[in-house]
Protein backbone atom coordinates (compact mmCIF):
# COMPACT_ATOMS: atom_id res chain seq x y z
CA UNK A 1 0.18 0.02 0.11
CA UNK A 2 1.48 3.35 -1.11
CA UNK A 3 1.60 6.28 1.38
CA UNK A 4 -1.47 8.15 -0.16
CA UNK A 5 -3.57 4.91 0.32
CA UNK A 6 -2.36 4.59 3.90
CA UNK A 7 -3.33 8.19 4.75
CA UNK A 8 -6.74 7.64 3.10
CA UNK A 9 -7.50 4.36 4.86
CA UNK A 10 -6.38 5.71 8.23
CA UNK A 11 -8.56 8.91 7.72
CA UNK A 12 -11.73 6.50 7.40
CA UNK A 13 -10.77 4.81 10.45
CA UNK A 14 -10.29 8.06 12.47
CA UNK A 15 -13.50 9.86 11.12
CA UNK A 16 -15.48 6.91 12.30
CA UNK A 17 -13.77 6.45 15.70
CA UNK A 18 -14.12 10.04 16.56
CA UNK A 19 -17.56 10.11 15.37
CA UNK A 20 -18.27 7.48 17.92
CA UNK A 21 -16.65 9.95 20.26
CA UNK A 22 -19.42 12.59 19.19
CA UNK A 23 -21.96 10.26 20.12
CA UNK A 24 -20.75 8.94 23.56
CA UNK A 25 -19.12 11.79 25.32
CA UNK A 26 -21.73 14.59 24.67
CA UNK A 27 -25.12 12.55 24.56
CA UNK A 28 -24.80 9.61 26.93
CA UNK A 29 -26.25 11.54 29.78
CA UNK A 30 -29.00 12.97 27.52
CA UNK A 31 -29.87 9.22 26.46
CA UNK A 32 -30.01 8.11 30.18
CA UNK A 33 -32.33 10.84 31.07
CA UNK A 34 -34.37 10.05 28.21
CA UNK A 35 -34.71 6.40 29.32
CA UNK A 36 -36.06 7.85 32.74
CA UNK A 37 -32.94 7.50 34.90
CA UNK A 38 -32.69 9.95 37.63
CA UNK A 39 -29.66 12.21 38.29
CA UNK A 40 -28.02 9.87 40.81
CA UNK A 41 -28.20 6.99 38.49
CA UNK A 42 -26.88 8.85 35.43
CA UNK A 43 -23.80 9.88 37.69
CA UNK A 44 -23.24 6.17 38.37
CA UNK A 45 -23.42 5.19 34.78
CA UNK A 46 -21.28 7.97 33.68
CA UNK A 47 -18.75 7.07 36.35
CA UNK A 48 -18.74 3.46 35.07
CA UNK A 49 -18.23 4.80 31.50
CA UNK A 50 -14.99 6.49 32.70
CA UNK A 51 -13.65 3.55 34.57
CA UNK A 52 -14.18 1.42 31.47
CA UNK A 53 -12.15 4.07 29.49
CA UNK A 54 -9.19 3.79 32.25
CA UNK A 55 -9.09 -0.31 32.37
CA UNK A 56 -9.86 -0.93 28.78
CA UNK A 57 -6.51 0.10 27.03
CA UNK A 58 -4.35 -1.23 29.99
CA UNK A 59 -6.02 -4.82 29.93
CA UNK A 60 -5.88 -5.27 26.33
CA UNK A 61 -2.37 -4.09 26.16
CA UNK A 62 -1.42 -6.60 28.83
CA UNK A 63 -3.76 -9.81 27.87
CA UNK A 64 -3.30 -9.47 24.14
CA UNK A 65 0.41 -8.92 23.78
CA UNK A 66 0.89 -11.87 21.54
CA UNK A 67 -1.73 -10.93 18.92
CA UNK A 68 -0.76 -8.91 15.76
CA UNK A 69 -2.09 -5.35 16.41
CA UNK A 70 -4.31 -5.17 13.38
CA UNK A 71 -6.06 -8.62 14.50
CA UNK A 72 -6.58 -7.00 17.85
CA UNK A 73 -8.15 -3.98 16.33
CA UNK A 74 -10.58 -6.22 14.78
CA UNK A 75 -11.55 -8.18 17.97
CA UNK A 76 -12.14 -4.74 19.74
CA UNK A 77 -14.26 -3.40 16.85
CA UNK A 78 -16.44 -6.65 16.87
CA UNK A 79 -16.74 -6.41 20.53
CA UNK A 80 -17.88 -2.77 20.58
CA UNK A 81 -20.47 -3.66 17.76
CA UNK A 82 -21.89 -6.55 19.93
CA UNK A 83 -22.29 -4.35 22.90
CA UNK A 84 -23.63 -1.55 20.94
CA UNK A 85 -26.32 -3.94 19.62
CA UNK A 86 -27.12 -5.08 23.07
CA UNK A 87 -28.34 -1.55 23.85
CA UNK A 88 -31.45 -2.22 21.56
CA UNK A 89 -32.54 -4.62 24.31
CA UNK A 90 -32.01 -1.95 27.02
CA UNK A 91 -35.23 -2.98 29.05
CA UNK A 92 -33.50 -2.93 32.35
CA UNK A 93 -30.89 -0.82 34.25
CA UNK A 94 -28.62 -3.64 34.45
CA UNK A 95 -28.43 -4.09 30.43
CA UNK A 96 -27.81 -0.40 30.01
CA UNK A 97 -25.23 -0.24 32.71
CA UNK A 98 -23.39 -3.30 31.39
CA UNK A 99 -23.65 -2.29 27.78
CA UNK A 100 -22.33 1.22 28.04
CA UNK A 101 -19.69 0.09 30.45
CA UNK A 102 -18.25 -2.38 27.78
CA UNK A 103 -18.98 0.01 25.03
CA UNK A 104 -16.47 2.39 26.72
CA UNK A 105 -14.08 -0.37 27.67
CA UNK A 106 -13.68 -1.67 24.09
CA UNK A 107 -13.90 1.89 22.50
CA UNK A 108 -11.01 3.32 24.70
CA UNK A 109 -9.05 0.08 24.41
CA UNK A 110 -9.11 0.37 20.43
CA UNK A 111 -7.38 4.07 20.49
CA UNK A 112 -3.84 3.01 21.24
CA UNK A 113 -4.11 0.13 18.72
CA UNK A 114 -5.23 2.48 15.74
CA UNK A 115 -2.82 5.08 16.76
CA UNK A 116 0.10 2.80 16.59
CA UNK A 117 -1.23 1.15 13.30
CA UNK A 118 -1.35 4.55 11.75
CA UNK A 119 1.78 6.21 13.15
CA UNK A 120 4.31 3.38 12.43
CA UNK A 121 4.06 3.47 8.42
CA UNK A 122 4.27 7.27 8.72
CA UNK A 123 7.70 7.19 10.57
CA UNK A 124 6.85 10.11 12.58
CA UNK A 125 5.57 12.43 9.83
CA UNK A 126 3.38 14.81 11.82
CA UNK A 127 2.16 16.51 8.55
CA UNK A 128 0.47 13.46 7.38
CA UNK A 129 -0.68 12.48 10.88
CA UNK A 130 -2.05 15.96 11.40
CA UNK A 131 -4.09 15.53 8.31
CA UNK A 132 -5.56 12.24 9.44
CA UNK A 133 -6.22 13.60 12.80
CA UNK A 134 -7.85 16.54 11.37
CA UNK A 135 -10.45 14.33 9.59
CA UNK A 136 -11.08 12.73 13.17
CA UNK A 137 -11.95 15.93 14.52
CA UNK A 138 -14.06 16.57 11.39
CA UNK A 139 -16.06 13.19 12.13
CA UNK A 140 -16.62 14.38 15.70
CA UNK A 141 -18.22 17.59 14.69
CA UNK A 142 -20.34 16.24 11.87
CA UNK A 143 -21.68 13.56 14.02
CA UNK A 144 -22.06 15.55 17.24
CA UNK A 145 -23.96 18.45 15.32
CA UNK A 146 -26.25 16.13 13.42
CA UNK A 147 -26.93 13.91 16.46
CA UNK A 148 -27.63 16.94 18.72
CA UNK A 149 -30.48 18.10 16.49
CA UNK A 150 -31.88 14.51 16.28
CA UNK A 151 -31.67 13.67 19.93
CA UNK A 152 -33.02 17.01 21.16
CA UNK A 153 -35.65 17.67 18.53
CA UNK A 154 -36.97 14.36 17.28
CA UNK A 155 -36.13 11.26 19.54
CA UNK A 156 -33.45 10.50 22.09
CA UNK A 157 -33.63 6.81 21.18
CA UNK A 158 -31.85 7.43 18.02
CA UNK A 159 -28.63 7.38 20.15
CA UNK A 160 -28.72 3.72 19.99
CA UNK A 161 -29.20 3.49 16.34
CA UNK A 162 -26.53 6.05 15.59
CA UNK A 163 -23.95 4.22 17.94
CA UNK A 164 -24.73 0.88 16.34
CA UNK A 165 -24.40 2.36 12.76
CA UNK A 166 -20.94 4.05 13.53
CA UNK A 167 -19.59 1.02 15.27
CA UNK A 168 -20.62 -1.16 12.32
CA UNK A 169 -18.90 1.21 9.73
CA UNK A 170 -15.88 1.23 11.98
CA UNK A 171 -15.58 -2.46 12.04
CA UNK A 172 -16.04 -2.65 8.39
CA UNK A 173 -13.31 -0.13 7.80
CA UNK A 174 -10.94 -2.12 10.17
CA UNK A 175 -11.77 -5.21 8.40
CA UNK A 176 -11.21 -3.86 5.01
CA UNK A 177 -7.75 -2.34 5.88
CA UNK A 178 -6.77 -5.40 8.04
CA UNK A 179 -4.33 -6.58 5.42
CA UNK A 180 -2.64 -3.31 4.78
CA UNK A 181 -0.59 -3.32 7.88
CA UNK A 182 2.29 -5.43 8.90
CA UNK A 183 1.16 -9.16 9.46
CA UNK A 184 3.99 -9.49 12.43
CA UNK A 185 2.71 -6.10 13.97
CA UNK A 186 2.46 -7.10 17.55
CA UNK A 187 1.85 -5.07 20.64
CA UNK A 188 4.07 -6.56 23.38
CA UNK A 189 2.82 -3.76 25.39
CA UNK A 190 4.18 -4.64 28.68
CA UNK A 191 7.21 -6.87 28.66
CA UNK A 192 10.04 -6.30 30.96
CA UNK A 193 11.95 -3.91 28.51
CA UNK A 194 8.95 -1.64 27.87
CA UNK A 195 8.21 -1.55 31.61
CA UNK A 196 11.71 -0.51 32.44
CA UNK A 197 11.54 2.26 29.67
CA UNK A 198 8.34 3.57 30.70
CA UNK A 199 9.55 4.02 34.33
CA UNK A 200 12.46 6.14 33.31
CA UNK A 201 12.45 9.74 34.29
CA UNK A 202 11.89 10.97 30.68
CA UNK A 203 8.61 9.01 30.22
CA UNK A 204 7.46 9.74 33.77
CA UNK A 205 7.76 13.52 33.06
CA UNK A 206 6.10 13.04 29.66
CA UNK A 207 3.06 11.36 30.89
CA UNK A 208 2.65 13.67 33.80
CA UNK A 209 2.85 16.77 31.38
CA UNK A 210 -0.06 15.28 29.13
CA UNK A 211 -1.96 14.03 31.99
CA UNK A 212 -2.02 17.62 33.37
CA UNK A 213 -2.97 18.80 29.96
CA UNK A 214 -6.22 16.62 30.38
CA UNK A 215 -6.86 17.91 33.91
CA UNK A 216 -6.56 21.50 32.81
CA UNK A 217 -9.39 20.97 30.14
CA UNK A 218 -11.80 19.40 32.56
CA UNK A 219 -13.59 22.68 33.64
CA UNK A 220 -13.81 23.47 29.79
CA UNK A 221 -15.25 20.17 28.98
CA UNK A 222 -17.60 19.89 31.77
CA UNK A 223 -18.78 23.33 32.70
CA UNK A 224 -18.15 25.74 29.61
CA UNK A 225 -21.87 25.84 28.40
CA UNK A 226 -23.02 26.14 32.00
CA UNK A 227 -20.57 28.92 32.53
CA UNK A 228 -21.66 30.93 29.39
CA UNK A 229 -25.33 30.19 30.22
CA UNK A 230 -25.00 31.88 33.72
CA UNK A 231 -23.36 34.86 31.89
CA UNK A 232 -26.57 35.44 29.96
CA UNK A 233 -25.40 33.99 26.56
CA UNK A 234 -27.90 32.35 24.41
CA UNK A 235 -27.78 28.73 23.37
CA UNK A 236 -26.98 29.75 19.77
CA UNK A 237 -24.00 31.62 21.05
CA UNK A 238 -22.72 28.78 23.13
CA UNK A 239 -22.87 26.36 20.27
CA UNK A 240 -21.39 28.60 17.78
CA UNK A 241 -18.30 29.19 20.38
CA UNK A 242 -17.89 25.30 20.64
CA UNK A 243 -18.04 24.83 16.96
CA UNK A 244 -15.67 27.46 16.48
CA UNK A 245 -13.11 25.93 18.88
CA UNK A 246 -13.45 22.56 17.01
CA UNK A 247 -12.95 24.34 13.69
CA UNK A 248 -9.74 25.89 15.10
CA UNK A 249 -8.60 22.51 16.06
CA UNK A 250 -9.45 21.00 12.75
CA UNK A 251 -7.19 23.97 10.89
CA UNK A 252 -4.49 23.38 13.71
CA UNK A 253 -4.12 19.66 12.91
CA UNK A 254 -4.21 20.65 9.18
CA UNK A 255 -1.68 23.21 9.28
CA UNK A 256 0.62 22.76 12.28
CA UNK A 257 1.73 19.13 11.58
CA UNK A 258 4.68 20.34 9.46
CA UNK A 259 5.60 22.99 12.26
CA UNK A 260 5.94 20.29 14.79
CA UNK A 261 8.25 18.56 12.17
CA UNK A 262 10.30 21.57 11.70
CA UNK A 263 10.86 23.02 15.11
CA UNK A 264 11.98 21.69 18.53
CA UNK A 265 9.09 19.79 20.09
CA UNK A 266 10.27 20.47 23.48
CA UNK A 267 10.29 24.23 23.35
CA UNK A 268 6.86 24.08 21.30
CA UNK A 269 5.30 22.06 24.29
CA UNK A 270 6.58 24.91 26.72
CA UNK A 271 4.92 27.58 24.66
CA UNK A 272 1.70 25.60 24.52
CA UNK A 273 1.45 25.15 28.11
CA UNK A 274 2.08 28.85 28.74
CA UNK A 275 -0.68 29.76 26.32
CA UNK A 276 -3.01 27.36 28.03
CA UNK A 277 -2.50 29.33 31.23
CA UNK A 278 -3.40 32.46 29.18
CA UNK A 279 -6.47 30.92 27.71
CA UNK A 280 -8.13 29.98 31.02
CA UNK A 281 -7.25 33.45 32.44
CA UNK A 282 -8.89 35.13 29.56
CA UNK A 283 -12.03 33.10 30.43
CA UNK A 284 -12.00 33.62 34.05
CA UNK A 285 -11.08 37.52 34.10
CA UNK A 286 -12.89 38.62 30.75
CA UNK A 287 -16.00 36.94 31.21
CA UNK A 288 -18.16 40.01 30.19
CA UNK A 289 -16.28 40.21 26.91
CA UNK A 290 -17.55 38.03 24.24
CA UNK A 291 -14.79 39.13 21.86
CA UNK A 292 -12.12 37.96 24.58
CA UNK A 293 -13.97 34.54 24.94
CA UNK A 294 -14.08 34.15 21.31
CA UNK A 295 -10.34 34.92 21.07
CA UNK A 296 -9.81 32.24 23.91
CA UNK A 297 -11.14 29.56 21.70
CA UNK A 298 -8.56 30.29 19.26
CA UNK A 299 -5.85 29.13 21.83
CA UNK A 300 -7.79 25.64 21.52
CA UNK A 301 -5.09 25.15 19.00
CA UNK A 302 -2.37 25.65 21.55
CA UNK A 303 -3.93 23.86 24.43
CA UNK A 304 -5.09 20.73 22.62
CA UNK A 305 -4.39 20.39 19.15
CA UNK A 306 -0.61 21.29 18.85
CA UNK A 307 0.23 19.49 22.23
CA UNK A 308 -1.35 16.26 20.96
CA UNK A 309 0.61 16.47 17.69
CA UNK A 310 3.95 17.09 19.81
CA UNK A 311 2.90 13.93 22.13
CA UNK A 312 2.35 11.64 19.21
CA UNK A 313 5.88 12.83 17.59
CA UNK A 314 7.73 12.36 20.82
CA UNK A 315 6.30 8.97 21.31
CA UNK A 316 7.44 7.80 17.79
CA UNK A 317 11.06 8.98 18.53
CA UNK A 318 13.29 5.94 18.64
CA UNK A 319 10.27 3.54 18.83
CA UNK A 320 9.49 0.02 17.50
CA UNK A 321 6.06 -1.44 17.15
CA UNK A 322 6.12 -2.77 20.67
CA UNK A 323 7.53 0.26 22.40
CA UNK A 324 5.16 2.66 20.41
CA UNK A 325 2.06 0.49 21.28
CA UNK A 326 3.05 0.52 25.04
CA UNK A 327 3.55 4.37 25.07
CA UNK A 328 0.29 4.80 23.40
CA UNK A 329 -1.55 2.50 25.79
CA UNK A 330 -0.07 4.50 28.85
CA UNK A 331 -0.72 7.76 27.11
CA UNK A 332 -4.34 6.91 26.57
CA UNK A 333 -5.03 5.50 30.29
CA UNK A 334 -3.17 8.61 31.76
CA UNK A 335 -5.03 11.28 29.81
CA UNK A 336 -8.38 10.22 28.61
CA UNK A 337 -8.81 8.01 31.74
CA UNK A 338 -6.84 9.31 34.75
CA UNK A 339 -6.59 12.79 33.68
CA UNK A 340 -10.17 13.28 32.59
CA UNK A 341 -11.54 11.86 35.71
CA UNK A 342 -9.55 13.63 38.08
CA UNK A 343 -10.01 16.94 36.30
CA UNK A 344 -13.77 16.48 36.10
CA UNK A 345 -13.75 15.63 40.06
CA UNK A 346 -11.51 18.80 40.77
CA UNK A 347 -13.69 20.98 38.49
CA UNK A 348 -16.86 20.07 40.18
CA UNK A 349 -15.29 20.64 43.55
CA UNK A 350 -13.96 24.06 42.74
CA UNK A 351 -16.84 25.25 40.48
CA UNK A 352 -18.55 28.39 41.68
CA UNK A 353 -21.83 29.07 39.88
CA UNK A 354 -22.69 32.18 41.71
CA UNK A 355 -20.13 34.20 40.15
CA UNK A 356 -18.23 35.05 43.25
CA UNK A 357 -14.41 34.48 43.41
CA UNK A 358 -12.42 32.47 40.91
CA UNK A 359 -13.96 29.74 38.91
CA UNK A 360 -12.42 26.23 38.18
CA UNK A 361 -11.06 27.78 35.00
CA UNK A 362 -8.57 29.57 37.10
CA UNK A 363 -8.27 27.18 40.25
CA UNK A 364 -8.09 23.95 38.29
CA UNK A 365 -7.25 24.88 34.62
CA UNK A 366 -4.47 27.41 35.58
CA UNK A 367 -3.04 25.54 38.30
CA UNK A 368 -2.52 22.39 36.46
CA UNK A 369 -1.46 24.15 33.36
CA UNK A 370 1.30 26.07 35.34
CA UNK A 371 2.44 22.66 36.63
CA UNK A 372 2.60 21.28 33.10
CA UNK A 373 4.35 24.47 31.98
CA UNK A 374 7.20 24.24 34.62
CA UNK A 375 7.55 20.44 33.81
CA UNK A 376 7.78 20.86 30.17
CA UNK A 377 10.44 23.60 30.62
CA UNK A 378 12.31 21.02 32.81
CA UNK A 379 11.73 18.45 30.21
CA UNK A 380 13.06 20.61 27.51
CA UNK A 381 16.29 21.53 29.39
CA UNK A 382 16.70 18.04 30.25
CA UNK A 383 16.49 16.91 26.44
CA UNK A 384 18.15 19.82 25.01
CA UNK A 385 21.96 18.58 25.50
CA UNK A 386 20.95 15.34 23.79
CA UNK A 387 19.56 17.29 20.82
CA UNK A 388 22.71 19.25 20.52
CA UNK A 389 24.62 16.16 20.67
CA UNK A 390 22.80 14.64 17.70
């Protein structure tokens, strides 16, 4: 398979994978409310979903280390499809609970596998990866906007149908491309050598920085619409601001990949953490200015898109199939699992809905971003001599 075919096939997979993201993350709570679940039960199920996202990548990275990575992706995709189908028979709380837990379990376990499958043939080319990841973000916005209209204005039960259809298309895409990747492409995610590597100072700092990046976004992901609504902004304005940030993300993935390839990634990471601090301060201290709030959305490129590109590039350095798979597994667990859940907990604890004092954008977002900034500068100076030598 030539490079263009690889990019195109990988783009299909990412569009569908993040299309499922656009179903599960924004609308699971709305779906549960539509089934008649009270707030307490919604919280329990959403908590189970988060725990599934934490354990899924780790357990599959450990238990299936002898399988070729493309075969593992097919197993995970089929499992995701089966539990999506089970939601059609959601006549009891137990069925809904188990279905959503394992849907999140297999869905998140799939991410490090497809990231590794995509990145290895690219040999760390972030320009091509940026294009593929841009298509993923495009899938998220297309599916979430379309489904948002359907669920709120037509019928919330279309959540199940949409999830099943997207899971089926993802399975089909993985199956079609299964022979396009190396037949001996095995994860070996947690053998002794990979564990020793991941416990080195370099990788501990790396994963800590990117976990903090996820923590710093928790107030934004959890409370941004509520924050704007309390300030008196209309639902249309809130929706446009969120769409604008995703469009900025898409543009950044399309254009910034080559910059990550050209410039020192460690220095870029330090700059991104500093701009992330600025973003949350803009939201917290200029809340009466729609112009400043809009400008803060531009910084979504620096707080999310560019750091993600940098993280993927750094994980590709001096990597083999097995080492990249293990790095991707820990990256997924620590960011979308531990970082997201810890950040959401802290954001809720420090949230102030009465407008008095500093909100969690400053208390949680800025504090974790400052920590990430300090660690990234340390990471930069720790790695700089090695860069000079090479």
